[in-house]
Amino acid sequence: MSTLKRPIVTEKATGLNEKGRYTFEVERTANKVQIKKDIETLYGVTVTDINTMRTIGKIKSKGTKGGQVSGRRSNGKKAIVTVKEGDVIDFYSNL
């Protein structure tokens, strides 16, 4: 089972891609060793560094009268992966 959920493709994350850093949403229980192994086998690159961070879900209110029904988005975890200089991950080749 893969620890990677999906790549994060936002304007900020795409700016990091030019520097050889890629952002992924990962399982909350995943550690850096598992993330490194999955990325190296899936994309065929050499990972040099991984930074992980836990994200806290936003509180959202639904309804037109000031939040009659409130809830929370789920918590998650992100990994910013640095690959060896010259290696590239192409997210769009598998479409």
Protein backbone atom coordinates (compact mmCIF):
# COMPACT_ATOMS: atom_id res chain seq x y z
CA MET A 1 0.00 0.00 0.00
CA SER A 2 1.35 3.41 -0.94
CA THR A 3 1.72 6.17 1.62
CA LEU A 4 1.23 8.82 -1.09
CA LYS A 5 -2.30 10.14 -1.58
CA ARG A 6 -1.77 12.74 -4.32
CA PRO A 7 0.64 15.41 -5.50
CA ILE A 8 -0.24 18.95 -4.51
CA VAL A 9 -0.37 21.15 -7.60
CA THR A 10 -0.88 24.73 -6.48
CA GLU A 11 0.82 27.91 -7.59
CA LYS A 12 3.15 27.87 -4.59
CA ALA A 13 3.97 24.16 -4.96
CA THR A 14 4.60 24.56 -8.70
CA GLY A 15 7.10 27.32 -7.94
CA LEU A 16 9.02 24.85 -5.76
CA ASN A 17 9.11 22.33 -8.64
CA GLU A 18 11.57 24.57 -10.49
CA LYS A 19 13.98 24.18 -7.55
CA GLY A 20 13.67 20.38 -7.52
CA ARG A 21 11.20 20.28 -4.61
CA TYR A 22 7.84 18.52 -4.93
CA THR A 23 4.86 18.54 -2.56
CA PHE A 24 2.67 15.52 -1.81
CA GLU A 25 -0.27 14.79 0.43
CA VAL A 26 0.60 11.64 2.38
CA GLU A 27 -1.01 9.34 4.93
CA ARG A 28 -0.95 10.75 8.46
CA THR A 29 0.83 7.67 9.78
CA ALA A 30 3.58 7.73 7.11
CA ASN A 31 7.17 8.38 8.13
CA LYS A 32 10.02 9.82 6.05
CA VAL A 33 11.54 6.42 5.25
CA GLN A 34 8.26 5.10 3.83
CA ILE A 35 7.67 8.31 1.84
CA LYS A 36 11.18 8.20 0.37
CA LYS A 37 10.82 4.54 -0.66
CA ASP A 38 7.44 5.12 -2.32
CA ILE A 39 8.57 8.18 -4.29
CA GLU A 40 11.78 6.52 -5.49
CA THR A 41 9.95 3.40 -6.71
CA LEU A 42 6.96 5.23 -8.23
CA TYR A 43 8.79 8.05 -10.02
CA GLY A 44 12.29 6.58 -10.48
CA VAL A 45 14.16 9.52 -8.89
CA THR A 46 16.69 9.84 -6.06
CA VAL A 47 15.33 11.62 -2.98
CA THR A 48 17.87 13.70 -1.07
CA ASP A 49 15.68 15.37 1.59
CA ILE A 50 12.14 15.22 2.98
CA ASN A 51 10.31 17.74 5.15
CA THR A 52 6.95 16.72 6.60
CA MET A 53 4.24 18.77 8.26
CA ARG A 54 0.90 18.02 9.82
CA THR A 55 -2.01 20.17 8.69
CA ILE A 56 -5.06 20.97 10.78
CA GLY A 57 -8.42 21.02 9.01
CA LYS A 58 -10.30 24.31 8.77
CA ILE A 59 -13.51 24.90 10.66
CA LYS A 60 -16.26 25.40 8.10
CA SER A 61 -19.79 26.65 8.60
CA LYS A 62 -22.66 25.79 6.29
CA GLY A 63 -25.89 27.69 6.02
CA THR A 64 -26.87 31.22 5.20
CA LYS A 65 -27.66 32.47 8.70
CA GLY A 66 -24.26 32.73 10.31
CA GLY A 67 -23.20 29.10 10.56
CA GLN A 68 -26.24 27.08 11.52
CA VAL A 69 -24.35 23.87 10.82
CA SER A 70 -20.64 23.81 11.52
CA GLY A 71 -18.04 21.20 10.85
CA ARG A 72 -14.36 20.65 10.36
CA ARG A 73 -12.31 19.46 7.40
CA SER A 74 -10.12 16.46 8.06
CA ASN A 75 -6.57 16.80 9.35
CA GLY A 76 -3.75 15.67 7.08
CA LYS A 77 -0.05 15.52 6.42
CA LYS A 78 2.13 16.98 3.66
CA ALA A 79 5.63 16.10 2.53
CA ILE A 80 7.98 18.40 0.62
CA VAL A 81 10.49 16.19 -1.18
CA THR A 82 13.81 17.35 -2.61
CA VAL A 83 15.19 15.24 -5.44
CA LYS A 84 18.76 14.94 -6.72
CA GLU A 85 19.83 17.73 -9.07
CA GLY A 86 18.92 16.75 -12.62
CA ASP A 87 16.02 14.46 -11.62
CA VAL A 88 12.51 15.58 -12.54
CA ILE A 89 9.07 14.30 -11.51
CA ASP A 90 6.45 14.73 -14.24
CA PHE A 91 2.94 14.62 -12.74
CA TYR A 92 1.24 14.93 -16.12
CA SER A 93 2.83 12.00 -17.98
CA ASN A 94 0.44 9.39 -16.49
CA LEU A 95 -2.77 11.12 -17.58
